[in-house]
Amino acid sequence: MEGKCLIVSVYVDDLIFTGNNVKMFERFKNSMKQEFDMSDLGRMKYFLGVEVVQHSEGIFINQRKYANEVLERFRMRNCNLVKNPIIPGFKLVKDEGEVSVDATTYKQMVGSLMYLTATRPDLAFVVSLISKFMERPTELHQQAVKRVLRYIKGQLSWESLTKKVKKRNWQPTRTATMQEILKTGKAHQDMHSCSVQVLSHGLQRNNQ
């Protein structure tokens, strides 16, 4: 078993697992089915707002559908695009003299953006910044959030890749489109994985 691994993640009544050995996959699935009422949903395609594309180059993940839902929810579907999530050199500060905006809506917008950082590390800095002003957001802070949404609208094709490699050679973190990754060979990270699969407890559900 040296060099072989199986990684299992449990979410409510679902088991998500990956690893580097197909036989180990089958043994694990069979053992779970013997102990519990489990349905084999096969390779993961969609889970908690994250779309999964398992390609020969590796595993691509994106939140394109979720991002579109966020844009629709906050009426930014037809907004003008920008090339960066924040203006370079711009400092966002707390200003008691600015006009306040609805804090509940602001928190909902920032919370939605926080979940997008699961596959979008390019949003990590700006989302961390705008989250500091949720107690008393102003029009300036709201404009900063809307700029992030405008940036997302122009970058809906971005995906992250966990690339298959033969050796343990970790590459720098990067997020890009599938086309860019296949062309350049640059990836989000490397892992010796065969695929990501799902077992569900109880009734079989559609993994799409």
N, C-alpha and C. Protein backbone atom coordinates (compact mmCIF):
# COMPACT_ATOMS: atom_id res chain seq x y z
N MET A 1 0.81 -1.21 0.00
CA MET A 1 0.00 0.00 0.00
C MET A 1 0.86 1.27 0.00
N GLU A 2 2.18 1.10 0.00
CA GLU A 2 3.05 2.27 0.05
C GLU A 2 2.86 3.14 -1.19
N GLY A 3 2.72 4.44 -0.99
CA GLY A 3 2.56 5.36 -2.10
C GLY A 3 1.12 5.52 -2.54
N LYS A 4 0.20 4.72 -1.99
CA LYS A 4 -1.20 4.81 -2.36
C LYS A 4 -1.96 5.60 -1.30
N CYS A 5 -2.95 6.38 -1.75
CA CYS A 5 -3.71 7.16 -0.79
C CYS A 5 -5.18 7.25 -1.18
N LEU A 6 -6.01 7.43 -0.19
CA LEU A 6 -7.44 7.63 -0.38
C LEU A 6 -7.87 8.76 0.54
N ILE A 7 -8.45 9.81 -0.04
CA ILE A 7 -8.89 10.97 0.73
C ILE A 7 -10.41 11.00 0.71
N VAL A 8 -11.03 11.01 1.89
CA VAL A 8 -12.48 10.97 2.00
C VAL A 8 -12.98 12.21 2.74
N SER A 9 -13.98 12.87 2.17
CA SER A 9 -14.61 14.02 2.81
C SER A 9 -16.09 13.69 3.04
N VAL A 10 -16.58 13.95 4.25
CA VAL A 10 -17.97 13.65 4.60
C VAL A 10 -18.76 14.94 4.70
N TYR A 11 -19.89 14.99 3.97
CA TYR A 11 -20.79 16.14 4.07
C TYR A 11 -22.21 15.62 4.24
N VAL A 12 -22.75 15.76 5.44
CA VAL A 12 -24.09 15.28 5.79
C VAL A 12 -24.20 13.79 5.44
N ASP A 13 -24.90 13.42 4.36
CA ASP A 13 -25.06 12.01 4.02
C ASP A 13 -24.31 11.65 2.74
N ASP A 14 -23.36 12.48 2.35
CA ASP A 14 -22.56 12.21 1.15
C ASP A 14 -21.10 11.98 1.50
N LEU A 15 -20.47 11.08 0.77
CA LEU A 15 -19.04 10.84 0.88
C LEU A 15 -18.38 11.24 -0.43
N ILE A 16 -17.45 12.17 -0.38
CA ILE A 16 -16.69 12.56 -1.56
C ILE A 16 -15.28 12.01 -1.37
N PHE A 17 -14.79 11.27 -2.34
CA PHE A 17 -13.47 10.68 -2.16
C PHE A 17 -12.64 10.75 -3.43
N THR A 18 -11.34 10.79 -3.22
CA THR A 18 -10.38 10.81 -4.31
C THR A 18 -9.12 10.09 -3.84
N GLY A 19 -8.22 9.83 -4.75
CA GLY A 19 -6.99 9.13 -4.41
C GLY A 19 -6.18 8.84 -5.66
N ASN A 20 -5.30 7.86 -5.57
CA ASN A 20 -4.42 7.57 -6.70
C ASN A 20 -4.41 6.10 -7.10
N ASN A 21 -5.46 5.37 -6.65
CA ASN A 21 -5.48 3.95 -6.97
C ASN A 21 -6.92 3.49 -7.20
N VAL A 22 -7.21 3.01 -8.40
CA VAL A 22 -8.56 2.61 -8.77
C VAL A 22 -9.05 1.42 -7.95
N LYS A 23 -8.19 0.44 -7.69
CA LYS A 23 -8.58 -0.73 -6.91
C LYS A 23 -8.98 -0.33 -5.49
N MET A 24 -8.27 0.65 -4.94
CA MET A 24 -8.60 1.13 -3.61
C MET A 24 -9.97 1.80 -3.61
N PHE A 25 -10.28 2.51 -4.71
CA PHE A 25 -11.60 3.12 -4.88
C PHE A 25 -12.68 2.06 -4.75
N GLU A 26 -12.52 0.97 -5.51
CA GLU A 26 -13.54 -0.07 -5.56
C GLU A 26 -13.71 -0.75 -4.20
N ARG A 27 -12.60 -1.02 -3.52
CA ARG A 27 -12.68 -1.65 -2.20
C ARG A 27 -13.41 -0.75 -1.22
N PHE A 28 -13.11 0.54 -1.29
CA PHE A 28 -13.76 1.49 -0.39
C PHE A 28 -15.26 1.56 -0.67
N LYS A 29 -15.64 1.67 -1.93
CA LYS A 29 -17.05 1.74 -2.28
C LYS A 29 -17.80 0.48 -1.84
N ASN A 30 -17.21 -0.67 -2.09
CA ASN A 30 -17.86 -1.93 -1.72
C ASN A 30 -18.04 -2.05 -0.21
N SER A 31 -17.02 -1.63 0.54
CA SER A 31 -17.11 -1.72 2.00
C SER A 31 -18.19 -0.78 2.55
N MET A 32 -18.32 0.40 1.96
CA MET A 32 -19.34 1.35 2.40
C MET A 32 -20.74 0.83 2.07
N LYS A 33 -20.90 0.21 0.91
CA LYS A 33 -22.19 -0.31 0.51
C LYS A 33 -22.63 -1.48 1.38
N GLN A 34 -21.64 -2.24 1.89
CA GLN A 34 -21.96 -3.38 2.75
C GLN A 34 -22.42 -2.91 4.13
N GLU A 35 -21.86 -1.80 4.60
CA GLU A 35 -22.17 -1.30 5.94
C GLU A 35 -23.38 -0.36 5.95
N PHE A 36 -23.58 0.38 4.87
CA PHE A 36 -24.64 1.39 4.83
C PHE A 36 -25.44 1.30 3.53
N ASP A 37 -26.59 1.94 3.54
CA ASP A 37 -27.43 2.01 2.34
C ASP A 37 -26.90 3.15 1.47
N MET A 38 -25.93 2.86 0.63
CA MET A 38 -25.25 3.89 -0.16
C MET A 38 -25.55 3.74 -1.64
N SER A 39 -25.65 4.86 -2.35
CA SER A 39 -25.80 4.86 -3.81
C SER A 39 -24.53 5.43 -4.43
N ASP A 40 -24.02 4.75 -5.44
CA ASP A 40 -22.82 5.21 -6.14
C ASP A 40 -23.23 6.21 -7.22
N LEU A 41 -22.90 7.48 -7.03
CA LEU A 41 -23.25 8.53 -8.00
C LEU A 41 -22.16 8.76 -9.04
N GLY A 42 -21.08 7.96 -8.97
CA GLY A 42 -20.02 8.07 -9.97
C GLY A 42 -19.16 9.31 -9.79
N ARG A 43 -18.59 9.77 -10.87
CA ARG A 43 -17.71 10.92 -10.82
C ARG A 43 -18.48 12.19 -10.48
N MET A 44 -17.88 13.00 -9.63
CA MET A 44 -18.53 14.24 -9.23
C MET A 44 -18.61 15.21 -10.41
N LYS A 45 -19.78 15.85 -10.55
CA LYS A 45 -19.98 16.86 -11.59
C LYS A 45 -20.37 18.22 -11.01
N TYR A 46 -21.12 18.17 -9.89
CA TYR A 46 -21.59 19.42 -9.30
C TYR A 46 -21.86 19.18 -7.82
N PHE A 47 -21.34 20.08 -6.97
CA PHE A 47 -21.52 19.89 -5.54
C PHE A 47 -21.44 21.23 -4.83
N LEU A 48 -22.52 21.61 -4.12
CA LEU A 48 -22.56 22.84 -3.33
C LEU A 48 -22.12 24.08 -4.13
N GLY A 49 -22.62 24.19 -5.34
CA GLY A 49 -22.31 25.36 -6.15
C GLY A 49 -21.00 25.28 -6.91
N VAL A 50 -20.27 24.17 -6.76
CA VAL A 50 -18.98 24.00 -7.44
C VAL A 50 -19.14 23.00 -8.57
N GLU A 51 -18.82 23.42 -9.78
CA GLU A 51 -18.87 22.53 -10.94
C GLU A 51 -17.52 21.84 -11.11
N VAL A 52 -17.54 20.54 -11.38
CA VAL A 52 -16.32 19.75 -11.49
C VAL A 52 -16.25 19.11 -12.88
N VAL A 53 -15.16 19.38 -13.59
CA VAL A 53 -14.92 18.77 -14.90
C VAL A 53 -13.65 17.93 -14.79
N GLN A 54 -13.80 16.60 -14.96
CA GLN A 54 -12.65 15.71 -14.82
C GLN A 54 -12.10 15.37 -16.20
N HIS A 55 -10.96 15.96 -16.48
CA HIS A 55 -10.32 15.90 -17.79
C HIS A 55 -9.06 15.04 -17.69
N SER A 56 -8.55 14.61 -18.83
CA SER A 56 -7.33 13.80 -18.82
C SER A 56 -6.14 14.58 -18.26
N GLU A 57 -6.19 15.93 -18.34
CA GLU A 57 -5.12 16.76 -17.79
C GLU A 57 -5.22 16.90 -16.27
N GLY A 58 -6.41 16.67 -15.73
CA GLY A 58 -6.62 16.84 -14.30
C GLY A 58 -8.07 17.17 -13.99
N ILE A 59 -8.29 17.75 -12.83
CA ILE A 59 -9.65 18.07 -12.39
C ILE A 59 -9.85 19.58 -12.36
N PHE A 60 -10.76 20.07 -13.19
CA PHE A 60 -11.09 21.49 -13.25
C PHE A 60 -12.29 21.76 -12.35
N ILE A 61 -12.24 22.84 -11.58
CA ILE A 61 -13.39 23.24 -10.77
C ILE A 61 -13.69 24.71 -11.03
N ASN A 62 -14.97 25.05 -11.02
CA ASN A 62 -15.37 26.43 -11.20
C ASN A 62 -16.72 26.66 -10.51
N GLN A 63 -17.08 27.91 -10.33
CA GLN A 63 -18.36 28.28 -9.75
C GLN A 63 -19.11 29.21 -10.69
N ARG A 64 -19.05 28.90 -11.98
CA ARG A 64 -19.64 29.77 -12.99
C ARG A 64 -21.15 29.94 -12.79
N LYS A 65 -21.84 28.83 -12.54
CA LYS A 65 -23.29 28.90 -12.33
C LYS A 65 -23.62 29.73 -11.10
N TYR A 66 -22.89 29.50 -10.04
CA TYR A 66 -23.12 30.26 -8.80
C TYR A 66 -22.83 31.74 -9.01
N ALA A 67 -21.74 32.05 -9.72
CA ALA A 67 -21.39 33.44 -9.99
C ALA A 67 -22.49 34.15 -10.77
N ASN A 68 -23.05 33.47 -11.75
CA ASN A 68 -24.17 34.04 -12.52
C ASN A 68 -25.38 34.29 -11.63
N GLU A 69 -25.62 33.37 -10.70
CA GLU A 69 -26.75 33.55 -9.77
C GLU A 69 -26.53 34.76 -8.87
N VAL A 70 -25.29 34.97 -8.45
CA VAL A 70 -24.97 36.13 -7.61
C VAL A 70 -25.18 37.43 -8.38
N LEU A 71 -24.73 37.46 -9.62
CA LEU A 71 -24.92 38.65 -10.45
C LEU A 71 -26.41 38.94 -10.66
N GLU A 72 -27.17 37.89 -10.87
CA GLU A 72 -28.61 38.04 -11.08
C GLU A 72 -29.29 38.52 -9.79
N ARG A 73 -28.89 37.96 -8.69
CA ARG A 73 -29.51 38.29 -7.40
C ARG A 73 -29.34 39.76 -7.05
N PHE A 74 -28.16 40.32 -7.35
CA PHE A 74 -27.89 41.72 -6.99
C PHE A 74 -28.01 42.67 -8.19
N ARG A 75 -28.72 42.21 -9.20
CA ARG A 75 -29.04 43.03 -10.37
C ARG A 75 -27.80 43.60 -11.07
N MET A 76 -26.79 42.75 -11.21
CA MET A 76 -25.54 43.16 -11.87
C MET A 76 -25.29 42.34 -13.12
N ARG A 77 -26.32 41.66 -13.60
CA ARG A 77 -26.16 40.76 -14.76
C ARG A 77 -25.75 41.51 -16.02
N ASN A 78 -26.20 42.76 -16.18
CA ASN A 78 -25.90 43.53 -17.38
C ASN A 78 -24.95 44.69 -17.09
N CYS A 79 -24.12 44.53 -16.06
CA CYS A 79 -23.21 45.61 -15.68
C CYS A 79 -22.04 45.73 -16.65
N ASN A 80 -21.37 46.88 -16.62
CA ASN A 80 -20.16 47.09 -17.42
C ASN A 80 -19.00 46.34 -16.78
N LEU A 81 -18.11 45.81 -17.60
CA LEU A 81 -17.01 44.99 -17.12
C LEU A 81 -15.80 45.85 -16.73
N VAL A 82 -15.01 45.34 -15.78
CA VAL A 82 -13.73 45.95 -15.42
C VAL A 82 -12.67 44.85 -15.40
N LYS A 83 -11.41 45.23 -15.52
CA LYS A 83 -10.33 44.25 -15.65
C LYS A 83 -9.66 43.89 -14.33
N ASN A 84 -9.98 44.61 -13.26
CA ASN A 84 -9.42 44.27 -11.96
C ASN A 84 -10.47 44.49 -10.88
N PRO A 85 -10.42 43.71 -9.79
CA PRO A 85 -11.45 43.79 -8.76
C PRO A 85 -11.38 45.05 -7.90
N ILE A 86 -10.23 45.71 -7.90
CA ILE A 86 -10.06 46.95 -7.14
C ILE A 86 -9.06 47.84 -7.89
N ILE A 87 -9.27 49.14 -7.84
CA ILE A 87 -8.37 50.08 -8.52
C ILE A 87 -7.00 50.02 -7.84
N PRO A 88 -5.93 49.78 -8.59
CA PRO A 88 -4.58 49.73 -8.00
C PRO A 88 -4.27 50.99 -7.20
N GLY A 89 -3.82 50.81 -5.97
CA GLY A 89 -3.46 51.94 -5.13
C GLY A 89 -4.63 52.53 -4.34
N PHE A 90 -5.84 52.06 -4.61
CA PHE A 90 -7.02 52.60 -3.94
C PHE A 90 -7.09 52.09 -2.50
N LYS A 91 -7.34 52.99 -1.55
CA LYS A 91 -7.44 52.64 -0.14
C LYS A 91 -8.88 52.78 0.33
N LEU A 92 -9.43 51.68 0.80
CA LEU A 92 -10.79 51.67 1.30
C LEU A 92 -10.74 51.83 2.82
N VAL A 93 -11.35 52.89 3.33
CA VAL A 93 -11.27 53.18 4.76
C VAL A 93 -12.66 53.43 5.34
N LYS A 94 -12.72 53.40 6.66
CA LYS A 94 -13.97 53.70 7.37
C LYS A 94 -14.15 55.21 7.42
N ASP A 95 -15.28 55.69 6.96
CA ASP A 95 -15.55 57.13 6.92
C ASP A 95 -16.93 57.39 7.51
N GLU A 96 -16.95 57.94 8.72
CA GLU A 96 -18.22 58.20 9.40
C GLU A 96 -19.05 59.26 8.70
N GLY A 97 -18.40 60.08 7.88
CA GLY A 97 -19.11 61.16 7.22
C GLY A 97 -19.83 60.75 5.95
N GLU A 98 -19.54 59.55 5.45
CA GLU A 98 -20.16 59.06 4.21
C GLU A 98 -21.61 58.63 4.46
N VAL A 99 -22.39 58.62 3.39
CA VAL A 99 -23.78 58.17 3.47
C VAL A 99 -23.83 56.66 3.67
N SER A 100 -24.59 56.21 4.66
CA SER A 100 -24.71 54.77 4.94
C SER A 100 -25.63 54.09 3.93
N VAL A 101 -25.39 52.78 3.73
CA VAL A 101 -26.27 51.97 2.89
C VAL A 101 -26.81 50.83 3.73
N ASP A 102 -27.74 50.08 3.19
CA ASP A 102 -28.36 48.98 3.92
C ASP A 102 -27.33 47.91 4.27
N ALA A 103 -27.10 47.71 5.57
CA ALA A 103 -26.07 46.78 6.04
C ALA A 103 -26.42 45.34 5.70
N THR A 104 -27.70 44.99 5.73
CA THR A 104 -28.11 43.61 5.44
C THR A 104 -27.77 43.21 4.01
N THR A 105 -28.10 44.09 3.07
CA THR A 105 -27.78 43.82 1.67
C THR A 105 -26.28 43.75 1.46
N TYR A 106 -25.56 44.65 2.10
CA TYR A 106 -24.09 44.66 1.97
C TYR A 106 -23.51 43.34 2.48
N LYS A 107 -23.99 42.87 3.63
CA LYS A 107 -23.49 41.61 4.18
C LYS A 107 -23.81 40.43 3.26
N GLN A 108 -24.98 40.47 2.63
CA GLN A 108 -25.35 39.40 1.70
C GLN A 108 -24.43 39.39 0.48
N MET A 109 -24.10 40.56 -0.01
CA MET A 109 -23.20 40.66 -1.17
C MET A 109 -21.81 40.16 -0.83
N VAL A 110 -21.29 40.60 0.32
CA VAL A 110 -19.95 40.17 0.73
C VAL A 110 -19.93 38.68 1.03
N GLY A 111 -20.97 38.17 1.68
CA GLY A 111 -21.04 36.74 1.97
C GLY A 111 -21.04 35.89 0.72
N SER A 112 -21.75 36.34 -0.30
CA SER A 112 -21.79 35.63 -1.59
C SER A 112 -20.41 35.62 -2.23
N LEU A 113 -19.69 36.73 -2.11
CA LEU A 113 -18.34 36.81 -2.68
C LEU A 113 -17.36 35.94 -1.91
N MET A 114 -17.56 35.82 -0.60
CA MET A 114 -16.68 34.97 0.20
C MET A 114 -16.71 33.53 -0.29
N TYR A 115 -17.91 33.04 -0.63
CA TYR A 115 -18.01 31.65 -1.09
C TYR A 115 -17.31 31.46 -2.44
N LEU A 116 -17.26 32.50 -3.25
CA LEU A 116 -16.59 32.40 -4.54
C LEU A 116 -15.09 32.22 -4.41
N THR A 117 -14.51 32.64 -3.27
CA THR A 117 -13.06 32.50 -3.10
C THR A 117 -12.64 31.04 -2.99
N ALA A 118 -13.60 30.12 -2.86
CA ALA A 118 -13.27 28.69 -2.82
C ALA A 118 -12.55 28.25 -4.09
N THR A 119 -12.91 28.87 -5.23
CA THR A 119 -12.24 28.53 -6.49
C THR A 119 -11.59 29.74 -7.14
N ARG A 120 -11.70 30.91 -6.49
CA ARG A 120 -11.18 32.14 -7.08
C ARG A 120 -10.22 32.84 -6.12
N PRO A 121 -8.98 32.37 -6.01
CA PRO A 121 -8.01 33.04 -5.12
C PRO A 121 -7.70 34.48 -5.52
N ASP A 122 -8.02 34.85 -6.77
CA ASP A 122 -7.80 36.22 -7.21
C ASP A 122 -8.73 37.20 -6.50
N LEU A 123 -9.77 36.67 -5.83
CA LEU A 123 -10.71 37.53 -5.11
C LEU A 123 -10.40 37.63 -3.63
N ALA A 124 -9.46 36.84 -3.15
CA ALA A 124 -9.22 36.72 -1.70
C ALA A 124 -8.89 38.06 -1.05
N PHE A 125 -7.99 38.84 -1.65
CA PHE A 125 -7.57 40.09 -1.03
C PHE A 125 -8.72 41.09 -0.94
N VAL A 126 -9.39 41.32 -2.07
CA VAL A 126 -10.42 42.35 -2.08
C VAL A 126 -11.63 41.95 -1.23
N VAL A 127 -11.97 40.67 -1.19
CA VAL A 127 -13.08 40.22 -0.36
C VAL A 127 -12.73 40.39 1.12
N SER A 128 -11.49 40.09 1.47
CA SER A 128 -11.04 40.32 2.84
C SER A 128 -11.13 41.79 3.21
N LEU A 129 -10.82 42.66 2.27
CA LEU A 129 -10.85 44.10 2.50
C LEU A 129 -12.28 44.61 2.71
N ILE A 130 -13.19 44.27 1.81
CA ILE A 130 -14.55 44.81 1.90
C ILE A 130 -15.32 44.20 3.08
N SER A 131 -14.88 43.05 3.56
CA SER A 131 -15.57 42.42 4.69
C SER A 131 -15.32 43.16 6.00
N LYS A 132 -14.36 44.07 6.02
CA LYS A 132 -14.04 44.82 7.24
C LYS A 132 -15.07 45.90 7.56
N PHE A 133 -15.95 46.19 6.59
CA PHE A 133 -16.85 47.33 6.76
C PHE A 133 -18.33 46.91 6.82
N MET A 134 -18.59 45.70 7.27
CA MET A 134 -19.96 45.19 7.28
C MET A 134 -20.81 45.79 8.40
N GLU A 135 -20.18 46.33 9.44
CA GLU A 135 -20.93 46.91 10.54
C GLU A 135 -21.67 48.18 10.13
N ARG A 136 -20.97 49.07 9.41
CA ARG A 136 -21.60 50.31 8.93
C ARG A 136 -21.07 50.63 7.53
N PRO A 137 -21.57 49.92 6.52
CA PRO A 137 -21.10 50.17 5.15
C PRO A 137 -21.64 51.48 4.61
N THR A 138 -20.84 52.11 3.77
CA THR A 138 -21.24 53.37 3.14
C THR A 138 -21.35 53.19 1.63
N GLU A 139 -21.76 54.24 0.95
CA GLU A 139 -21.88 54.18 -0.51
C GLU A 139 -20.54 53.85 -1.16
N LEU A 140 -19.45 54.35 -0.58
CA LEU A 140 -18.12 54.06 -1.11
C LEU A 140 -17.80 52.57 -1.01
N HIS A 141 -18.14 51.97 0.10
CA HIS A 141 -17.90 50.54 0.29
C HIS A 141 -18.76 49.71 -0.66
N GLN A 142 -20.00 50.14 -0.84
CA GLN A 142 -20.89 49.43 -1.76
C GLN A 142 -20.40 49.52 -3.20
N GLN A 143 -19.85 50.65 -3.56
CA GLN A 143 -19.28 50.81 -4.91
C GLN A 143 -18.11 49.85 -5.10
N ALA A 144 -17.33 49.65 -4.04
CA ALA A 144 -16.20 48.72 -4.11
C ALA A 144 -16.69 47.29 -4.33
N VAL A 145 -17.78 46.92 -3.64
CA VAL A 145 -18.35 45.59 -3.80
C VAL A 145 -18.89 45.41 -5.23
N LYS A 146 -19.56 46.42 -5.72
CA LYS A 146 -20.11 46.32 -7.08
C LYS A 146 -19.00 46.24 -8.12
N ARG A 147 -17.86 46.86 -7.83
CA ARG A 147 -16.73 46.73 -8.76
C ARG A 147 -16.26 45.28 -8.82
N VAL A 148 -16.24 44.60 -7.68
CA VAL A 148 -15.85 43.18 -7.65
C VAL A 148 -16.82 42.37 -8.51
N LEU A 149 -18.10 42.66 -8.41
CA LEU A 149 -19.11 41.96 -9.21
C LEU A 149 -18.92 42.24 -10.70
N ARG A 150 -18.55 43.47 -11.04
CA ARG A 150 -18.29 43.81 -12.44
C ARG A 150 -17.06 43.06 -12.95
N TYR A 151 -16.07 42.89 -12.09
CA TYR A 151 -14.88 42.11 -12.44
C TYR A 151 -15.24 40.65 -12.67
N ILE A 152 -16.07 40.09 -11.78
CA ILE A 152 -16.50 38.69 -11.91
C ILE A 152 -17.25 38.48 -13.22
N LYS A 153 -18.09 39.45 -13.58
CA LYS A 153 -18.85 39.33 -14.83
C LYS A 153 -17.92 39.16 -16.03
N GLY A 154 -16.77 39.81 -15.99
CA GLY A 154 -15.82 39.71 -17.10
C GLY A 154 -14.89 38.53 -17.01
N GLN A 155 -14.95 37.76 -15.90
CA GLN A 155 -14.04 36.63 -15.70
C GLN A 155 -14.78 35.33 -15.39
N LEU A 156 -15.95 35.16 -15.97
CA LEU A 156 -16.77 33.98 -15.67
C LEU A 156 -16.16 32.68 -16.19
N SER A 157 -15.23 32.77 -17.13
CA SER A 157 -14.65 31.56 -17.73
C SER A 157 -13.49 30.99 -16.91
N TRP A 158 -13.06 31.67 -15.87
CA TRP A 158 -11.92 31.20 -15.08
C TRP A 158 -12.25 29.91 -14.34
N GLU A 159 -11.23 29.02 -14.29
CA GLU A 159 -11.35 27.75 -13.58
C GLU A 159 -10.05 27.44 -12.87
N SER A 160 -10.12 26.57 -11.89
CA SER A 160 -8.93 26.09 -11.20
C SER A 160 -8.68 24.64 -11.60
N LEU A 161 -7.42 24.25 -11.64
CA LEU A 161 -7.07 22.90 -12.06
C LEU A 161 -6.18 22.22 -11.04
N THR A 162 -6.55 21.01 -10.64
CA THR A 162 -5.65 20.14 -9.90
C THR A 162 -5.07 19.18 -10.93
N LYS A 163 -3.81 19.37 -11.24
CA LYS A 163 -3.20 18.68 -12.38
C LYS A 163 -2.61 17.33 -11.98
N LYS A 164 -2.82 16.34 -12.83
CA LYS A 164 -2.24 15.01 -12.60
C LYS A 164 -0.76 15.03 -12.98
N VAL A 165 0.08 14.51 -12.11
CA VAL A 165 1.51 14.41 -12.39
C VAL A 165 2.01 13.04 -11.96
N LYS A 166 3.17 12.67 -12.46
CA LYS A 166 3.76 11.39 -12.12
C LYS A 166 4.64 11.48 -10.89
N LYS A 167 5.16 12.71 -10.63
CA LYS A 167 6.03 12.91 -9.47
C LYS A 167 5.41 13.96 -8.56
N ARG A 168 5.84 13.96 -7.33
CA ARG A 168 5.36 14.97 -6.38
C ARG A 168 6.06 16.30 -6.65
N ASN A 169 5.56 17.00 -7.60
CA ASN A 169 6.16 18.26 -8.02
C ASN A 169 5.12 19.35 -7.94
N TRP A 170 5.10 20.09 -6.83
CA TRP A 170 4.07 21.10 -6.61
C TRP A 170 4.41 22.38 -7.34
N GLN A 171 3.48 22.89 -8.11
CA GLN A 171 3.67 24.10 -8.88
C GLN A 171 2.98 25.27 -8.20
N PRO A 172 3.35 26.53 -8.55
CA PRO A 172 2.71 27.69 -7.92
C PRO A 172 1.21 27.72 -8.16
N THR A 173 0.48 28.25 -7.18
CA THR A 173 -0.97 28.38 -7.30
C THR A 173 -1.32 29.34 -8.42
N ARG A 174 -2.28 28.94 -9.25
CA ARG A 174 -2.71 29.80 -10.36
C ARG A 174 -4.14 29.45 -10.73
N THR A 175 -4.90 30.45 -11.09
CA THR A 175 -6.26 30.22 -11.58
C THR A 175 -6.34 30.76 -13.00
N ALA A 176 -6.90 29.99 -13.90
CA ALA A 176 -6.97 30.41 -15.30
C ALA A 176 -8.10 29.67 -15.99
N THR A 177 -8.27 29.94 -17.28
CA THR A 177 -9.28 29.22 -18.03
C THR A 177 -8.74 27.85 -18.41
N MET A 178 -9.65 26.93 -18.71
CA MET A 178 -9.24 25.59 -19.12
C MET A 178 -8.35 25.68 -20.36
N GLN A 179 -8.70 26.57 -21.29
CA GLN A 179 -7.93 26.69 -22.51
C GLN A 179 -6.50 27.15 -22.22
N GLU A 180 -6.34 28.10 -21.30
CA GLU A 180 -5.01 28.58 -20.94
C GLU A 180 -4.18 27.49 -20.30
N ILE A 181 -4.81 26.72 -19.41
CA ILE A 181 -4.08 25.68 -18.69
C ILE A 181 -3.62 24.58 -19.63
N LEU A 182 -4.52 24.15 -20.51
CA LEU A 182 -4.15 23.09 -21.45
C LEU A 182 -3.05 23.55 -22.39
N LYS A 183 -3.00 24.84 -22.68
CA LYS A 183 -2.00 25.38 -23.60
C LYS A 183 -0.65 25.57 -22.92
N THR A 184 -0.66 26.09 -21.67
CA THR A 184 0.58 26.43 -20.99
C THR A 184 1.08 25.35 -20.05
N GLY A 185 0.17 24.49 -19.58
CA GLY A 185 0.56 23.47 -18.63
C GLY A 185 0.61 23.98 -17.21
N LYS A 186 0.28 25.27 -16.98
CA LYS A 186 0.27 25.82 -15.64
C LYS A 186 -1.01 25.43 -14.93
N ALA A 187 -0.91 25.21 -13.63
CA ALA A 187 -2.06 24.68 -12.92
C ALA A 187 -2.23 25.29 -11.55
N HIS A 188 -3.37 24.99 -10.97
CA HIS A 188 -3.65 25.44 -9.61
C HIS A 188 -2.77 24.68 -8.63
N GLN A 189 -2.73 23.36 -8.71
CA GLN A 189 -1.85 22.54 -7.90
C GLN A 189 -1.79 21.15 -8.52
N ASP A 190 -0.85 20.35 -8.05
CA ASP A 190 -0.66 19.01 -8.59
C ASP A 190 -1.08 17.97 -7.56
N MET A 191 -1.61 16.85 -8.07
CA MET A 191 -1.98 15.76 -7.18
C MET A 191 -2.08 14.48 -7.98
N HIS A 192 -1.75 13.35 -7.35
CA HIS A 192 -1.79 12.05 -8.02
C HIS A 192 -3.19 11.47 -7.97
N SER A 193 -4.21 12.15 -8.43
CA SER A 193 -5.57 11.65 -8.29
C SER A 193 -6.09 11.04 -9.58
N CYS A 194 -6.92 10.01 -9.42
CA CYS A 194 -7.56 9.36 -10.56
C CYS A 194 -8.81 10.15 -10.93
N SER A 195 -9.65 10.41 -9.92
CA SER A 195 -10.91 11.11 -10.13
C SER A 195 -11.48 11.47 -8.78
N VAL A 196 -12.56 12.24 -8.80
CA VAL A 196 -13.30 12.53 -7.58
C VAL A 196 -14.68 11.91 -7.75
N GLN A 197 -15.09 11.08 -6.81
CA GLN A 197 -16.36 10.37 -6.92
C GLN A 197 -17.22 10.63 -5.69
N VAL A 198 -18.50 10.25 -5.80
CA VAL A 198 -19.47 10.54 -4.74
C VAL A 198 -20.26 9.28 -4.39
N LEU A 199 -20.41 9.02 -3.09
CA LEU A 199 -21.33 8.02 -2.57
C LEU A 199 -22.36 8.77 -1.73
N SER A 200 -23.64 8.42 -1.88
CA SER A 200 -24.68 9.10 -1.14
C SER A 200 -25.48 8.10 -0.33
N HIS A 201 -25.77 8.47 0.91
CA HIS A 201 -26.55 7.60 1.80
C HIS A 201 -28.04 7.76 1.50
N GLY A 202 -28.75 6.67 1.36
CA GLY A 202 -30.18 6.73 1.13
C GLY A 202 -30.54 6.67 -0.34
N LEU A 203 -31.57 7.43 -0.75
CA LEU A 203 -32.06 7.39 -2.11
C LEU A 203 -31.05 7.98 -3.08
N GLN A 204 -30.99 7.41 -4.25
CA GLN A 204 -30.07 7.90 -5.28
C GLN A 204 -30.54 9.25 -5.79
N ARG A 205 -29.58 10.18 -5.93
CA ARG A 205 -29.89 11.51 -6.43
C ARG A 205 -29.06 11.80 -7.66
N ASN A 206 -29.51 12.77 -8.43
CA ASN A 206 -28.81 13.13 -9.66
C ASN A 206 -27.60 13.99 -9.35
N ASN A 207 -26.41 13.53 -9.71
CA ASN A 207 -25.17 14.25 -9.46
C ASN A 207 -24.85 15.19 -10.61
N GLN A 208 -25.72 16.15 -10.86
CA GLN A 208 -25.53 17.09 -11.95
C GLN A 208 -25.98 18.47 -11.54
